[in-house]
């Protein structure tokens, strides 16, 4: 896995392949944004999408993909692995934090 510029996240090979396909499409913003939402009773939800670079963003190059995230989100995303899975049950991006055990 390529983890340039001390990125707090990693992208699996299948996630890199899928993001590169999506970037070749009709995306208006050239950056992959990774972040969090929430934090209340139900915990945090992870988000993934294409966006423009903003002043309070950190920029990372992961396997040739420009990845951005809010500076404040880095501590919540540290060690996160993003995978792309495709099977009979579901297709999509999956967030995994190998350093945290499920309850």
N, C-alpha and C. Protein backbone atom coordinates (compact mmCIF):
# COMPACT_ATOMS: atom_id res chain seq x y z
N UNK A 1 0.83 -1.18 0.00
CA UNK A 1 0.00 0.00 0.00
C UNK A 1 0.88 1.25 0.00
N UNK A 2 0.50 2.20 -0.76
CA UNK A 2 1.23 3.45 -0.82
C UNK A 2 0.66 4.40 0.22
N UNK A 3 1.53 4.88 1.09
CA UNK A 3 1.05 5.78 2.14
C UNK A 3 1.97 7.00 2.17
N UNK A 4 1.94 7.79 1.11
CA UNK A 4 2.82 8.93 0.96
C UNK A 4 2.41 10.07 1.89
N UNK A 5 3.37 10.93 2.19
CA UNK A 5 3.13 12.13 2.99
C UNK A 5 2.49 11.84 4.34
N UNK A 6 2.83 10.70 4.95
CA UNK A 6 2.31 10.34 6.27
C UNK A 6 0.79 10.36 6.33
N UNK A 7 0.15 9.86 5.32
CA UNK A 7 -1.31 9.81 5.31
C UNK A 7 -1.82 8.94 6.44
N UNK A 8 -2.86 9.38 7.13
CA UNK A 8 -3.43 8.57 8.20
C UNK A 8 -4.24 7.38 7.69
N UNK A 9 -4.53 7.34 6.39
CA UNK A 9 -5.34 6.25 5.83
C UNK A 9 -4.55 5.46 4.79
N UNK A 10 -5.08 4.30 4.48
CA UNK A 10 -4.55 3.46 3.41
C UNK A 10 -5.70 3.08 2.48
N UNK A 11 -5.38 2.94 1.21
CA UNK A 11 -6.36 2.45 0.23
C UNK A 11 -5.86 1.10 -0.27
N UNK A 12 -6.74 0.10 -0.29
CA UNK A 12 -6.35 -1.20 -0.84
C UNK A 12 -6.23 -1.07 -2.35
N UNK A 13 -5.63 -2.08 -2.97
CA UNK A 13 -5.47 -2.08 -4.42
C UNK A 13 -6.81 -1.99 -5.13
N UNK A 14 -7.83 -2.69 -4.63
CA UNK A 14 -9.15 -2.63 -5.29
C UNK A 14 -9.79 -1.25 -5.11
N UNK A 15 -9.56 -0.59 -3.98
CA UNK A 15 -10.09 0.77 -3.77
C UNK A 15 -9.39 1.75 -4.70
N UNK A 16 -8.07 1.62 -4.85
CA UNK A 16 -7.32 2.49 -5.76
C UNK A 16 -7.84 2.33 -7.18
N UNK A 17 -8.03 1.10 -7.61
CA UNK A 17 -8.52 0.83 -8.97
C UNK A 17 -9.89 1.47 -9.20
N UNK A 18 -10.81 1.32 -8.24
CA UNK A 18 -12.16 1.86 -8.40
C UNK A 18 -12.16 3.39 -8.38
N UNK A 19 -11.38 4.00 -7.48
CA UNK A 19 -11.32 5.46 -7.41
C UNK A 19 -10.74 6.03 -8.71
N UNK A 20 -9.72 5.39 -9.24
CA UNK A 20 -9.13 5.86 -10.50
C UNK A 20 -10.14 5.78 -11.65
N UNK A 21 -10.96 4.72 -11.65
CA UNK A 21 -12.03 4.62 -12.67
C UNK A 21 -13.00 5.78 -12.51
N UNK A 22 -13.40 6.06 -11.27
CA UNK A 22 -14.36 7.14 -11.02
C UNK A 22 -13.77 8.50 -11.37
N UNK A 23 -12.49 8.69 -11.11
CA UNK A 23 -11.85 9.97 -11.43
C UNK A 23 -11.79 10.20 -12.94
N UNK A 24 -11.75 9.14 -13.73
CA UNK A 24 -11.73 9.27 -15.19
C UNK A 24 -13.10 9.65 -15.73
N UNK A 25 -14.12 9.48 -14.91
CA UNK A 25 -15.49 9.81 -15.32
C UNK A 25 -15.72 11.31 -15.25
N UNK A 26 -16.95 11.68 -15.11
CA UNK A 26 -17.34 13.09 -15.14
C UNK A 26 -17.36 13.71 -13.74
N UNK A 27 -16.26 13.61 -13.02
CA UNK A 27 -16.21 14.25 -11.70
C UNK A 27 -15.78 15.70 -11.88
N UNK A 28 -16.48 16.61 -11.24
CA UNK A 28 -16.15 18.03 -11.34
C UNK A 28 -14.97 18.39 -10.44
N UNK A 29 -14.81 17.67 -9.34
CA UNK A 29 -13.74 17.96 -8.39
C UNK A 29 -12.68 16.85 -8.48
N UNK A 30 -11.42 17.23 -8.57
CA UNK A 30 -10.37 16.23 -8.80
C UNK A 30 -9.79 15.58 -7.55
N UNK A 31 -10.36 15.82 -6.38
CA UNK A 31 -9.82 15.29 -5.13
C UNK A 31 -10.78 14.29 -4.50
N UNK A 32 -10.21 13.23 -3.92
CA UNK A 32 -11.00 12.27 -3.16
C UNK A 32 -11.04 12.76 -1.72
N UNK A 33 -12.23 13.10 -1.22
CA UNK A 33 -12.36 13.56 0.16
C UNK A 33 -12.76 12.39 1.05
N UNK A 34 -12.00 12.23 2.14
CA UNK A 34 -12.29 11.24 3.17
C UNK A 34 -12.54 12.01 4.45
N UNK A 35 -13.62 11.67 5.16
CA UNK A 35 -13.92 12.43 6.38
C UNK A 35 -14.87 11.69 7.28
N UNK A 36 -15.32 12.41 8.29
CA UNK A 36 -16.26 11.86 9.26
C UNK A 36 -17.44 12.81 9.40
N UNK A 37 -18.57 12.25 9.82
CA UNK A 37 -19.76 13.03 10.15
C UNK A 37 -20.27 12.53 11.49
N UNK A 38 -20.97 13.38 12.18
CA UNK A 38 -21.62 12.96 13.41
C UNK A 38 -20.71 12.97 14.61
N UNK A 39 -20.92 12.01 15.47
CA UNK A 39 -20.17 11.95 16.70
C UNK A 39 -21.08 11.96 17.91
N UNK A 40 -22.38 11.92 17.67
CA UNK A 40 -23.34 11.92 18.78
C UNK A 40 -23.51 10.52 19.35
N UNK A 41 -24.70 10.21 19.78
CA UNK A 41 -25.00 8.91 20.41
C UNK A 41 -24.71 7.73 19.50
N UNK A 42 -24.91 7.91 18.20
CA UNK A 42 -24.70 6.79 17.29
C UNK A 42 -23.27 6.70 16.78
N UNK A 43 -22.37 7.52 17.29
CA UNK A 43 -20.96 7.48 16.89
C UNK A 43 -20.71 8.24 15.61
N UNK A 44 -19.56 7.99 15.01
CA UNK A 44 -19.20 8.69 13.79
C UNK A 44 -19.55 7.86 12.57
N UNK A 45 -19.83 8.54 11.49
CA UNK A 45 -20.04 7.90 10.20
C UNK A 45 -18.93 8.39 9.28
N UNK A 46 -18.41 7.51 8.49
CA UNK A 46 -17.33 7.87 7.57
C UNK A 46 -17.92 8.30 6.24
N UNK A 47 -17.26 9.25 5.59
CA UNK A 47 -17.74 9.73 4.30
C UNK A 47 -16.62 9.69 3.27
N UNK A 48 -17.02 9.54 2.02
CA UNK A 48 -16.10 9.42 0.91
C UNK A 48 -16.76 10.07 -0.29
N UNK A 49 -16.06 10.94 -1.00
CA UNK A 49 -16.63 11.58 -2.17
C UNK A 49 -15.60 12.43 -2.86
N UNK A 50 -15.99 13.09 -3.92
CA UNK A 50 -15.09 13.97 -4.66
C UNK A 50 -15.43 15.41 -4.31
N UNK A 51 -14.37 16.22 -4.13
CA UNK A 51 -14.58 17.58 -3.65
C UNK A 51 -13.41 18.46 -4.09
N UNK A 52 -13.54 19.74 -3.84
CA UNK A 52 -12.48 20.70 -4.11
C UNK A 52 -11.61 20.87 -2.86
N UNK A 53 -10.38 21.24 -3.06
CA UNK A 53 -9.45 21.49 -1.97
C UNK A 53 -9.84 22.79 -1.26
N UNK A 54 -9.88 22.74 0.08
CA UNK A 54 -10.21 23.92 0.89
C UNK A 54 -9.04 24.27 1.80
N UNK A 55 -9.08 25.48 2.35
CA UNK A 55 -7.98 25.99 3.16
C UNK A 55 -7.62 25.10 4.35
N UNK A 56 -8.62 24.51 4.99
CA UNK A 56 -8.36 23.72 6.20
C UNK A 56 -8.21 22.23 5.90
N UNK A 57 -7.80 21.89 4.67
CA UNK A 57 -7.60 20.50 4.28
C UNK A 57 -6.12 20.12 4.31
N UNK A 58 -5.87 18.86 4.61
CA UNK A 58 -4.56 18.25 4.38
C UNK A 58 -4.68 17.52 3.06
N UNK A 59 -3.60 17.52 2.28
CA UNK A 59 -3.56 16.88 0.98
C UNK A 59 -2.52 15.77 1.01
N UNK A 60 -2.92 14.59 0.56
CA UNK A 60 -2.03 13.43 0.51
C UNK A 60 -2.08 12.84 -0.89
N UNK A 61 -0.98 12.23 -1.30
CA UNK A 61 -0.95 11.48 -2.55
C UNK A 61 -0.87 10.01 -2.17
N UNK A 62 -1.90 9.26 -2.50
CA UNK A 62 -1.93 7.83 -2.21
C UNK A 62 -2.10 7.10 -3.53
N UNK A 63 -1.04 6.43 -3.94
CA UNK A 63 -1.05 5.67 -5.20
C UNK A 63 -1.45 6.53 -6.39
N UNK A 64 -1.01 7.78 -6.40
CA UNK A 64 -1.34 8.68 -7.49
C UNK A 64 -2.70 9.33 -7.40
N UNK A 65 -3.41 9.11 -6.30
CA UNK A 65 -4.73 9.71 -6.09
C UNK A 65 -4.59 10.88 -5.12
N UNK A 66 -5.04 12.08 -5.51
CA UNK A 66 -5.00 13.20 -4.57
C UNK A 66 -6.13 13.07 -3.54
N UNK A 67 -5.77 12.81 -2.30
CA UNK A 67 -6.73 12.59 -1.22
C UNK A 67 -6.70 13.77 -0.27
N UNK A 68 -7.88 14.31 0.06
CA UNK A 68 -7.96 15.44 0.98
C UNK A 68 -8.83 15.07 2.18
N UNK A 69 -8.52 15.71 3.30
CA UNK A 69 -9.35 15.56 4.49
C UNK A 69 -9.14 16.78 5.37
N UNK A 70 -10.16 17.11 6.14
CA UNK A 70 -10.05 18.21 7.09
C UNK A 70 -8.95 17.88 8.09
N UNK A 71 -8.14 18.86 8.43
CA UNK A 71 -7.06 18.65 9.39
C UNK A 71 -7.58 18.02 10.68
N UNK A 72 -8.73 18.44 11.14
CA UNK A 72 -9.30 17.95 12.40
C UNK A 72 -9.76 16.49 12.31
N UNK A 73 -9.93 15.94 11.11
CA UNK A 73 -10.41 14.57 10.96
C UNK A 73 -9.29 13.54 11.03
N UNK A 74 -8.05 13.98 10.85
CA UNK A 74 -6.92 13.05 10.80
C UNK A 74 -6.83 12.13 12.00
N UNK A 75 -7.07 12.66 13.19
CA UNK A 75 -6.94 11.82 14.39
C UNK A 75 -8.03 10.74 14.45
N UNK A 76 -9.18 10.99 13.85
CA UNK A 76 -10.27 10.00 13.84
C UNK A 76 -10.08 8.95 12.74
N UNK A 77 -9.30 9.31 11.73
CA UNK A 77 -9.09 8.41 10.60
C UNK A 77 -7.76 7.65 10.68
N UNK A 78 -6.94 7.94 11.67
CA UNK A 78 -5.62 7.33 11.79
C UNK A 78 -5.71 5.80 11.76
N UNK A 79 -4.96 5.20 10.85
CA UNK A 79 -4.93 3.75 10.73
C UNK A 79 -6.05 3.15 9.90
N UNK A 80 -6.94 3.98 9.39
CA UNK A 80 -8.09 3.50 8.63
C UNK A 80 -7.65 2.92 7.28
N UNK A 81 -8.25 1.80 6.92
CA UNK A 81 -8.04 1.19 5.62
C UNK A 81 -9.37 1.25 4.86
N UNK A 82 -9.31 1.73 3.63
CA UNK A 82 -10.51 1.81 2.80
C UNK A 82 -10.36 0.78 1.68
N UNK A 83 -11.35 -0.09 1.57
CA UNK A 83 -11.34 -1.17 0.59
C UNK A 83 -12.57 -1.00 -0.30
N UNK A 84 -12.51 -1.60 -1.48
CA UNK A 84 -13.67 -1.66 -2.36
C UNK A 84 -14.01 -3.12 -2.54
N UNK A 85 -15.25 -3.49 -2.20
CA UNK A 85 -15.68 -4.88 -2.29
C UNK A 85 -16.84 -5.01 -3.25
N UNK A 86 -16.86 -6.13 -3.94
CA UNK A 86 -17.92 -6.41 -4.90
C UNK A 86 -18.28 -7.89 -4.74
N UNK A 87 -19.48 -8.15 -4.24
CA UNK A 87 -19.94 -9.53 -4.13
C UNK A 87 -21.45 -9.58 -4.29
N UNK A 88 -22.03 -10.76 -4.10
CA UNK A 88 -23.48 -10.93 -4.30
C UNK A 88 -24.31 -10.11 -3.32
N UNK A 89 -23.80 -9.94 -2.11
CA UNK A 89 -24.58 -9.25 -1.07
C UNK A 89 -24.53 -7.73 -1.22
N UNK A 90 -23.38 -7.19 -1.57
CA UNK A 90 -23.24 -5.73 -1.63
C UNK A 90 -22.01 -5.34 -2.43
N UNK A 91 -22.03 -4.11 -2.91
CA UNK A 91 -20.90 -3.54 -3.63
C UNK A 91 -20.66 -2.15 -3.09
N UNK A 92 -19.40 -1.83 -2.78
CA UNK A 92 -19.09 -0.48 -2.34
C UNK A 92 -17.82 -0.40 -1.53
N UNK A 93 -17.56 0.80 -1.04
CA UNK A 93 -16.37 1.05 -0.25
C UNK A 93 -16.63 0.67 1.20
N UNK A 94 -15.62 0.09 1.82
CA UNK A 94 -15.71 -0.37 3.20
C UNK A 94 -14.57 0.26 3.99
N UNK A 95 -14.91 0.83 5.14
CA UNK A 95 -13.92 1.41 6.04
C UNK A 95 -13.58 0.41 7.13
N UNK A 96 -12.29 0.16 7.33
CA UNK A 96 -11.84 -0.76 8.38
C UNK A 96 -10.74 -0.10 9.19
N UNK A 97 -10.83 -0.26 10.48
CA UNK A 97 -9.75 0.22 11.34
C UNK A 97 -9.16 -0.99 12.05
N UNK A 98 -8.08 -1.55 11.47
CA UNK A 98 -7.51 -2.77 12.04
C UNK A 98 -7.02 -2.59 13.48
N UNK A 99 -6.73 -1.38 13.89
CA UNK A 99 -6.25 -1.13 15.25
C UNK A 99 -7.33 -1.15 16.29
N UNK A 100 -8.60 -1.11 15.87
CA UNK A 100 -9.72 -1.09 16.82
C UNK A 100 -10.50 -2.38 16.71
N UNK A 101 -10.74 -3.01 17.81
CA UNK A 101 -11.51 -4.25 17.86
C UNK A 101 -13.00 -3.92 17.91
N UNK A 102 -13.81 -4.71 17.25
CA UNK A 102 -15.27 -4.54 17.34
C UNK A 102 -15.73 -5.06 18.70
N UNK A 103 -16.77 -4.45 19.27
CA UNK A 103 -17.29 -4.88 20.56
C UNK A 103 -18.12 -6.14 20.42
